[in-house]
Amino acid sequence: MAGRVRVHNFSISLDGFGVGEGQRLEEPFGHAGHRLMQWALPTRTFQRMGFHGSDAGTVGVDEAFAGQWAEGIGVEIMGRNKFGPQRGPWTDHDWKGWWGEDPPFHTPVIVLTHHVRPPEPMAGGTTFYFLDATPQDAIAKARTLGDGRDIRIGGGTTTVREFLVADLIDELHLVVVPILLGRGERLWDGLEGLEERFTIEAVGSPSGVVHLTLARRQADG
């Protein structure tokens, strides 16, 4: 049985933006800064991944959701914008992502880009593979790399939306953060009627965010 295709810990604003305007090296989330991820930084899960926030070791609703990020995952697929700030042909081949020498994935990671480059093996079991592919072809490649385990669509916003449009996602965990960004990259554009494909559950957190879990509806009969 093929593994599921999942999204975890993906934060959006009240007006549906998954990243702010003006992404660059100094501002990976654009003008949103770290506000979209503020709920996650204190959790043990994100602390272990090398992120730092106040009240390290917080437990509760946010930790319960954040902690599912790695369970059963065999491979991640991400867009090039999540991997780094460069656009167009690669000019800095020393750039190997935002995460340092030991990225938190510890699995193969497919980076979708029109500019293919050789794989980058890293410490801890992470290898970045650079692939120019449709969402369908990326899933096929991920299944060969992931040894039958689940596939995580890691973002950014455009990548998650493209896999939703292609109807390839089985489970989607979104975190609605109570801020308005007004501009950036919106998740929901072109996805009218998405609720017909998924059952949706909402859980509030004392941190102020709402965790939405969208699970693919099972076919009748």
C-alpha atoms as a PDB file:
ATOM      1  CA  MET A   1       0.000   0.000   0.000  1.00  0.00           C
ATOM      2  CA  ALA A   2       1.404   3.386  -1.017  1.00  0.00           C
ATOM      3  CA  GLY A   3       2.068   5.904   1.721  1.00  0.00           C
ATOM      4  CA  ARG A   4      -0.125   8.949   2.195  1.00  0.00           C
ATOM      5  CA  VAL A   5       0.728  12.407   0.952  1.00  0.00           C
ATOM      6  CA  ARG A   6       0.629  14.839   3.894  1.00  0.00           C
ATOM      7  CA  VAL A   7       1.142  18.479   4.823  1.00  0.00           C
ATOM      8  CA  HIS A   8       2.032  19.367   8.427  1.00  0.00           C
ATOM      9  CA  ASN A   9       2.438  22.542  10.484  1.00  0.00           C
ATOM     10  CA  PHE A  10       1.663  24.807   7.535  1.00  0.00           C
ATOM     11  CA  SER A  11       0.739  28.256   8.851  1.00  0.00           C
ATOM     12  CA  ILE A  12      -1.524  30.757   7.104  1.00  0.00           C
ATOM     13  CA  SER A  13      -2.877  34.149   8.123  1.00  0.00           C
ATOM     14  CA  LEU A  14      -6.573  34.903   8.598  1.00  0.00           C
ATOM     15  CA  ASP A  15      -6.638  36.209   5.034  1.00  0.00           C
ATOM     16  CA  GLY A  16      -5.026  33.038   3.689  1.00  0.00           C
ATOM     17  CA  PHE A  17      -1.401  34.038   3.098  1.00  0.00           C
ATOM     18  CA  GLY A  18       1.270  31.410   3.726  1.00  0.00           C
ATOM     19  CA  VAL A  19       4.150  33.850   3.267  1.00  0.00           C
ATOM     20  CA  GLY A  20       4.445  37.603   3.153  1.00  0.00           C
ATOM     21  CA  GLU A  21       5.610  39.819   0.331  1.00  0.00           C
ATOM     22  CA  GLY A  22       9.310  40.485  -0.224  1.00  0.00           C
ATOM     23  CA  GLN A  23      10.992  37.140   0.518  1.00  0.00           C
ATOM     24  CA  ARG A  24      14.784  37.486   0.620  1.00  0.00           C
ATOM     25  CA  LEU A  25      17.796  36.135   2.462  1.00  0.00           C
ATOM     26  CA  GLU A  26      17.253  38.426   5.451  1.00  0.00           C
ATOM     27  CA  GLU A  27      13.470  37.810   5.533  1.00  0.00           C
ATOM     28  CA  PRO A  28      12.600  34.215   4.534  1.00  0.00           C
ATOM     29  CA  PHE A  29       8.891  34.870   5.270  1.00  0.00           C
ATOM     30  CA  GLY A  30       8.859  38.325   3.675  1.00  0.00           C
ATOM     31  CA  HIS A  31       7.108  41.107   5.548  1.00  0.00           C
ATOM     32  CA  ALA A  32       5.348  38.484   7.726  1.00  0.00           C
ATOM     33  CA  GLY A  33       8.605  37.988   9.620  1.00  0.00           C
ATOM     34  CA  HIS A  34       8.277  35.187  12.163  1.00  0.00           C
ATOM     35  CA  ARG A  35       4.665  35.962  13.047  1.00  0.00           C
ATOM     36  CA  LEU A  36       3.271  32.980  11.123  1.00  0.00           C
ATOM     37  CA  MET A  37       5.502  30.575  13.050  1.00  0.00           C
ATOM     38  CA  GLN A  38       5.368  32.172  16.500  1.00  0.00           C
ATOM     39  CA  TRP A  39       2.993  29.469  17.755  1.00  0.00           C
ATOM     40  CA  ALA A  40       5.496  26.722  16.897  1.00  0.00           C
ATOM     41  CA  LEU A  41       8.786  28.140  18.146  1.00  0.00           C
ATOM     42  CA  PRO A  42       8.257  27.253  21.848  1.00  0.00           C
ATOM     43  CA  THR A  43       7.301  23.624  21.119  1.00  0.00           C
ATOM     44  CA  ARG A  44       9.729  20.831  21.861  1.00  0.00           C
ATOM     45  CA  THR A  45       9.415  19.636  18.270  1.00  0.00           C
ATOM     46  CA  PHE A  46      10.646  22.916  16.788  1.00  0.00           C
ATOM     47  CA  GLN A  47      13.284  23.326  19.494  1.00  0.00           C
ATOM     48  CA  ARG A  48      14.726  19.954  18.455  1.00  0.00           C
ATOM     49  CA  MET A  49      14.790  21.150  14.843  1.00  0.00           C
ATOM     50  CA  GLY A  50      16.997  24.064  15.853  1.00  0.00           C
ATOM     51  CA  PHE A  51      14.408  26.837  16.106  1.00  0.00           C
ATOM     52  CA  HIS A  52      14.435  29.029  19.183  1.00  0.00           C
ATOM     53  CA  GLY A  53      11.534  30.768  20.877  1.00  0.00           C
ATOM     54  CA  SER A  54      10.453  31.717  24.373  1.00  0.00           C
ATOM     55  CA  ASP A  55       9.162  29.151  26.873  1.00  0.00           C
ATOM     56  CA  ALA A  56      11.036  26.246  25.343  1.00  0.00           C
ATOM     57  CA  GLY A  57       9.426  22.906  26.058  1.00  0.00           C
ATOM     58  CA  THR A  58       5.812  24.082  25.932  1.00  0.00           C
ATOM     59  CA  VAL A  59       3.358  21.197  25.870  1.00  0.00           C
ATOM     60  CA  GLY A  60      -0.317  21.062  24.973  1.00  0.00           C
ATOM     61  CA  VAL A  61      -2.328  21.432  21.803  1.00  0.00           C
ATOM     62  CA  ASP A  62       0.411  23.037  19.735  1.00  0.00           C
ATOM     63  CA  GLU A  63       2.982  20.420  20.711  1.00  0.00           C
ATOM     64  CA  ALA A  64       0.535  17.580  20.004  1.00  0.00           C
ATOM     65  CA  PHE A  65       0.086  18.795  16.424  1.00  0.00           C
ATOM     66  CA  ALA A  66       3.673  19.893  15.815  1.00  0.00           C
ATOM     67  CA  GLY A  67       4.979  16.536  16.987  1.00  0.00           C
ATOM     68  CA  GLN A  68       3.254  14.667  14.149  1.00  0.00           C
ATOM     69  CA  TRP A  69       5.541  16.337  11.591  1.00  0.00           C
ATOM     70  CA  ALA A  70       7.995  13.439  11.248  1.00  0.00           C
ATOM     71  CA  GLU A  71       5.841  10.420  12.116  1.00  0.00           C
ATOM     72  CA  GLY A  72       5.917   7.876   9.301  1.00  0.00           C
ATOM     73  CA  ILE A  73       7.542  10.271   6.811  1.00  0.00           C
ATOM     74  CA  GLY A  74       9.951   8.774   4.264  1.00  0.00           C
ATOM     75  CA  VAL A  75      10.575  11.768   2.003  1.00  0.00           C
ATOM     76  CA  GLU A  76       9.715  15.459   1.685  1.00  0.00           C
ATOM     77  CA  ILE A  77       8.883  17.478  -1.441  1.00  0.00           C
ATOM     78  CA  MET A  78       9.503  21.229  -1.265  1.00  0.00           C
ATOM     79  CA  GLY A  79       9.560  24.136  -3.676  1.00  0.00           C
ATOM     80  CA  ARG A  80      12.750  25.968  -4.503  1.00  0.00           C
ATOM     81  CA  ASN A  81      11.663  29.053  -2.553  1.00  0.00           C
ATOM     82  CA  LYS A  82      11.623  26.993   0.636  1.00  0.00           C
ATOM     83  CA  PHE A  83      15.127  25.703  -0.072  1.00  0.00           C
ATOM     84  CA  GLY A  84      16.634  29.143  -0.509  1.00  0.00           C
ATOM     85  CA  PRO A  85      16.357  32.737  -1.725  1.00  0.00           C
ATOM     86  CA  GLN A  86      18.012  32.325  -5.139  1.00  0.00           C
ATOM     87  CA  ARG A  87      16.017  32.622  -8.358  1.00  0.00           C
ATOM     88  CA  GLY A  88      16.910  31.572 -11.894  1.00  0.00           C
ATOM     89  CA  PRO A  89      20.093  29.613 -12.662  1.00  0.00           C
ATOM     90  CA  TRP A  90      22.123  28.633  -9.624  1.00  0.00           C
ATOM     91  CA  THR A  91      24.893  31.135  -8.950  1.00  0.00           C
ATOM     92  CA  ASP A  92      25.804  30.052  -5.417  1.00  0.00           C
ATOM     93  CA  HIS A  93      26.434  26.308  -5.429  1.00  0.00           C
ATOM     94  CA  ASP A  94      27.680  26.493  -1.847  1.00  0.00           C
ATOM     95  CA  TRP A  95      24.113  27.252  -0.698  1.00  0.00           C
ATOM     96  CA  LYS A  96      22.647  24.086   0.795  1.00  0.00           C
ATOM     97  CA  GLY A  97      19.511  25.393   2.456  1.00  0.00           C
ATOM     98  CA  TRP A  98      18.603  27.425   5.537  1.00  0.00           C
ATOM     99  CA  TRP A  99      19.249  24.613   8.020  1.00  0.00           C
ATOM    100  CA  GLY A 100      23.025  24.204   8.269  1.00  0.00           C
ATOM    101  CA  GLU A 101      25.042  21.028   7.844  1.00  0.00           C
ATOM    102  CA  ASP A 102      22.493  18.778   9.590  1.00  0.00           C
ATOM    103  CA  PRO A 103      19.004  19.656   8.282  1.00  0.00           C
ATOM    104  CA  PRO A 104      16.073  18.454  10.414  1.00  0.00           C
ATOM    105  CA  PHE A 105      14.517  16.219   7.731  1.00  0.00           C
ATOM    106  CA  HIS A 106      16.770  13.130   8.034  1.00  0.00           C
ATOM    107  CA  THR A 107      15.143  11.744   4.879  1.00  0.00           C
ATOM    108  CA  PRO A 108      15.523  12.357   1.153  1.00  0.00           C
ATOM    109  CA  VAL A 109      14.152  15.779   0.137  1.00  0.00           C
ATOM    110  CA  ILE A 110      13.031  16.609  -3.408  1.00  0.00           C
ATOM    111  CA  VAL A 111      13.475  20.277  -4.317  1.00  0.00           C
ATOM    112  CA  LEU A 112      11.317  21.296  -7.285  1.00  0.00           C
ATOM    113  CA  THR A 113      13.204  23.632  -9.608  1.00  0.00           C
ATOM    114  CA  HIS A 114      13.560  24.333 -13.328  1.00  0.00           C
ATOM    115  CA  HIS A 115      17.332  24.386 -12.802  1.00  0.00           C
ATOM    116  CA  VAL A 116      18.453  20.839 -12.004  1.00  0.00           C
ATOM    117  CA  ARG A 117      21.737  20.329 -10.131  1.00  0.00           C
ATOM    118  CA  PRO A 118      23.491  17.291  -8.626  1.00  0.00           C
ATOM    119  CA  PRO A 119      22.167  15.848  -5.356  1.00  0.00           C
ATOM    120  CA  GLU A 120      23.492  17.319  -2.104  1.00  0.00           C
ATOM    121  CA  PRO A 121      24.086  14.716   0.633  1.00  0.00           C
ATOM    122  CA  MET A 122      24.042  16.257   4.106  1.00  0.00           C
ATOM    123  CA  ALA A 123      24.630  15.077   7.654  1.00  0.00           C
ATOM    124  CA  GLY A 124      21.957  13.103   9.486  1.00  0.00           C
ATOM    125  CA  GLY A 125      20.578  11.220   6.483  1.00  0.00           C
ATOM    126  CA  THR A 126      19.200  14.174   4.507  1.00  0.00           C
ATOM    127  CA  THR A 127      19.942  14.297   0.770  1.00  0.00           C
ATOM    128  CA  PHE A 128      18.524  17.076  -1.402  1.00  0.00           C
ATOM    129  CA  TYR A 129      17.481  16.002  -4.919  1.00  0.00           C
ATOM    130  CA  PHE A 130      16.800  18.768  -7.444  1.00  0.00           C
ATOM    131  CA  LEU A 131      14.024  17.834  -9.859  1.00  0.00           C
ATOM    132  CA  ASP A 132      12.203  19.602 -12.691  1.00  0.00           C
ATOM    133  CA  ALA A 133       8.887  17.759 -12.568  1.00  0.00           C
ATOM    134  CA  THR A 134       5.111  18.013 -12.440  1.00  0.00           C
ATOM    135  CA  PRO A 135       3.461  17.270  -9.105  1.00  0.00           C
ATOM    136  CA  GLN A 136       2.513  13.809 -10.406  1.00  0.00           C
ATOM    137  CA  ASP A 137       6.083  13.007 -11.472  1.00  0.00           C
ATOM    138  CA  ALA A 138       7.449  14.370  -8.209  1.00  0.00           C
ATOM    139  CA  ILE A 139       5.176  12.016  -6.261  1.00  0.00           C
ATOM    140  CA  ALA A 140       6.338   9.083  -8.397  1.00  0.00           C
ATOM    141  CA  LYS A 141       9.979   9.944  -7.685  1.00  0.00           C
ATOM    142  CA  ALA A 142       9.234  10.407  -3.990  1.00  0.00           C
ATOM    143  CA  ARG A 143       7.709   6.936  -3.790  1.00  0.00           C
ATOM    144  CA  THR A 144      10.959   5.433  -5.099  1.00  0.00           C
ATOM    145  CA  LEU A 145      12.978   7.377  -2.512  1.00  0.00           C
ATOM    146  CA  GLY A 146      10.642   7.010   0.459  1.00  0.00           C
ATOM    147  CA  ASP A 147      10.571   3.226   0.766  1.00  0.00           C
ATOM    148  CA  GLY A 148       6.752   3.090   0.897  1.00  0.00           C
ATOM    149  CA  ARG A 149       6.412   5.526   3.778  1.00  0.00           C
ATOM    150  CA  ASP A 150       4.410   8.758   3.745  1.00  0.00           C
ATOM    151  CA  ILE A 151       5.351  11.762   1.618  1.00  0.00           C
ATOM    152  CA  ARG A 152       5.348  15.216   3.199  1.00  0.00           C
ATOM    153  CA  ILE A 153       4.667  18.259   1.031  1.00  0.00           C
ATOM    154  CA  GLY A 154       6.731  20.801   2.906  1.00  0.00           C
ATOM    155  CA  GLY A 155       5.857  24.037   1.111  1.00  0.00           C
ATOM    156  CA  GLY A 156       6.079  26.803   0.320  1.00  0.00           C
ATOM    157  CA  THR A 157       2.631  28.128  -0.398  1.00  0.00           C
ATOM    158  CA  THR A 158       2.755  27.756  -4.186  1.00  0.00           C
ATOM    159  CA  THR A 159       3.929  24.150  -3.912  1.00  0.00           C
ATOM    160  CA  VAL A 160       1.183  23.160  -1.457  1.00  0.00           C
ATOM    161  CA  ARG A 161      -1.434  24.843  -3.662  1.00  0.00           C
ATOM    162  CA  GLU A 162      -0.171  23.080  -6.808  1.00  0.00           C
ATOM    163  CA  PHE A 163      -0.437  19.667  -5.129  1.00  0.00           C
ATOM    164  CA  LEU A 164      -3.942  20.514  -3.893  1.00  0.00           C
ATOM    165  CA  VAL A 165      -4.990  21.594  -7.388  1.00  0.00           C
ATOM    166  CA  ALA A 166      -3.643  18.288  -8.717  1.00  0.00           C
ATOM    167  CA  ASP A 167      -5.686  16.442  -6.028  1.00  0.00           C
ATOM    168  CA  LEU A 168      -2.610  14.645  -4.695  1.00  0.00           C
ATOM    169  CA  ILE A 169      -2.819  15.482  -0.985  1.00  0.00           C
ATOM    170  CA  ASP A 170      -4.477  13.033   1.419  1.00  0.00           C
ATOM    171  CA  GLU A 171      -4.096  14.944   4.678  1.00  0.00           C
ATOM    172  CA  LEU A 172      -3.503  18.633   5.326  1.00  0.00           C
ATOM    173  CA  HIS A 173      -2.698  20.192   8.703  1.00  0.00           C
ATOM    174  CA  LEU A 174      -3.071  23.967   8.594  1.00  0.00           C
ATOM    175  CA  VAL A 175      -2.504  26.417  11.409  1.00  0.00           C
ATOM    176  CA  VAL A 176      -4.593  29.574  11.118  1.00  0.00           C
ATOM    177  CA  VAL A 177      -2.705  32.392  12.823  1.00  0.00           C
ATOM    178  CA  PRO A 178      -4.725  35.438  13.995  1.00  0.00           C
ATOM    179  CA  ILE A 179      -2.916  38.050  11.912  1.00  0.00           C
ATOM    180  CA  LEU A 180      -3.771  39.829   8.660  1.00  0.00           C
ATOM    181  CA  LEU A 181      -0.958  40.093   6.114  1.00  0.00           C
ATOM    182  CA  GLY A 182      -2.782  41.729   3.201  1.00  0.00           C
ATOM    183  CA  ARG A 183      -0.207  40.687   0.619  1.00  0.00           C
ATOM    184  CA  GLY A 184       2.112  37.825  -0.224  1.00  0.00           C
ATOM    185  CA  GLU A 185       1.318  34.336  -1.511  1.00  0.00           C
ATOM    186  CA  ARG A 186      -2.230  33.095  -0.843  1.00  0.00           C
ATOM    187  CA  LEU A 187      -2.944  29.407  -0.383  1.00  0.00           C
ATOM    188  CA  TRP A 188      -6.615  29.293  -1.369  1.00  0.00           C
ATOM    189  CA  ASP A 189      -6.573  30.957  -4.809  1.00  0.00           C
ATOM    190  CA  GLY A 190      -8.154  28.657  -7.397  1.00  0.00           C
ATOM    191  CA  LEU A 191      -9.301  26.089  -4.815  1.00  0.00           C
ATOM    192  CA  GLU A 192     -13.018  26.845  -4.592  1.00  0.00           C
ATOM    193  CA  GLY A 193     -14.994  23.808  -3.432  1.00  0.00           C
ATOM    194  CA  LEU A 194     -11.997  22.165  -1.761  1.00  0.00           C
ATOM    195  CA  GLU A 195     -14.181  21.330   1.256  1.00  0.00           C
ATOM    196  CA  GLU A 196     -16.100  18.829  -0.885  1.00  0.00           C
ATOM    197  CA  ARG A 197     -12.981  16.652  -1.105  1.00  0.00           C
ATOM    198  CA  PHE A 198     -12.071  16.698   2.594  1.00  0.00           C
ATOM    199  CA  THR A 199     -13.555  16.297   6.018  1.00  0.00           C
ATOM    200  CA  ILE A 200     -12.436  19.225   8.175  1.00  0.00           C
ATOM    201  CA  GLU A 201     -11.839  19.355  11.925  1.00  0.00           C
ATOM    202  CA  ALA A 202     -10.825  22.441  13.911  1.00  0.00           C
ATOM    203  CA  VAL A 203      -9.076  22.574  17.288  1.00  0.00           C
ATOM    204  CA  GLY A 204      -8.342  25.840  19.064  1.00  0.00           C
ATOM    205  CA  SER A 205      -5.207  26.478  21.087  1.00  0.00           C
ATOM    206  CA  PRO A 206      -4.495  28.799  24.044  1.00  0.00           C
ATOM    207  CA  SER A 207      -1.752  30.330  21.888  1.00  0.00           C
ATOM    208  CA  GLY A 208      -4.503  31.857  19.748  1.00  0.00           C
ATOM    209  CA  VAL A 209      -4.091  29.712  16.639  1.00  0.00           C
ATOM    210  CA  VAL A 210      -6.599  27.240  15.218  1.00  0.00           C
ATOM    211  CA  HIS A 211      -5.399  23.857  13.976  1.00  0.00           C
ATOM    212  CA  LEU A 212      -7.346  22.651  10.933  1.00  0.00           C
ATOM    213  CA  THR A 213      -7.053  19.041   9.821  1.00  0.00           C
ATOM    214  CA  LEU A 214      -8.347  18.242   6.340  1.00  0.00           C
ATOM    215  CA  ALA A 215      -8.571  14.521   5.549  1.00  0.00           C
ATOM    216  CA  ARG A 216      -9.525  13.128   2.168  1.00  0.00           C
ATOM    217  CA  ARG A 217     -13.098  11.840   2.094  1.00  0.00           C
ATOM    218  CA  GLN A 218     -13.393   8.114   1.540  1.00  0.00           C
ATOM    219  CA  ALA A 219     -15.237   7.017  -1.590  1.00  0.00           C
ATOM    220  CA  ASP A 220     -18.702   5.564  -0.906  1.00  0.00           C
ATOM    221  CA  GLY A 221     -19.036   1.865  -1.103  1.00  0.00           C
END
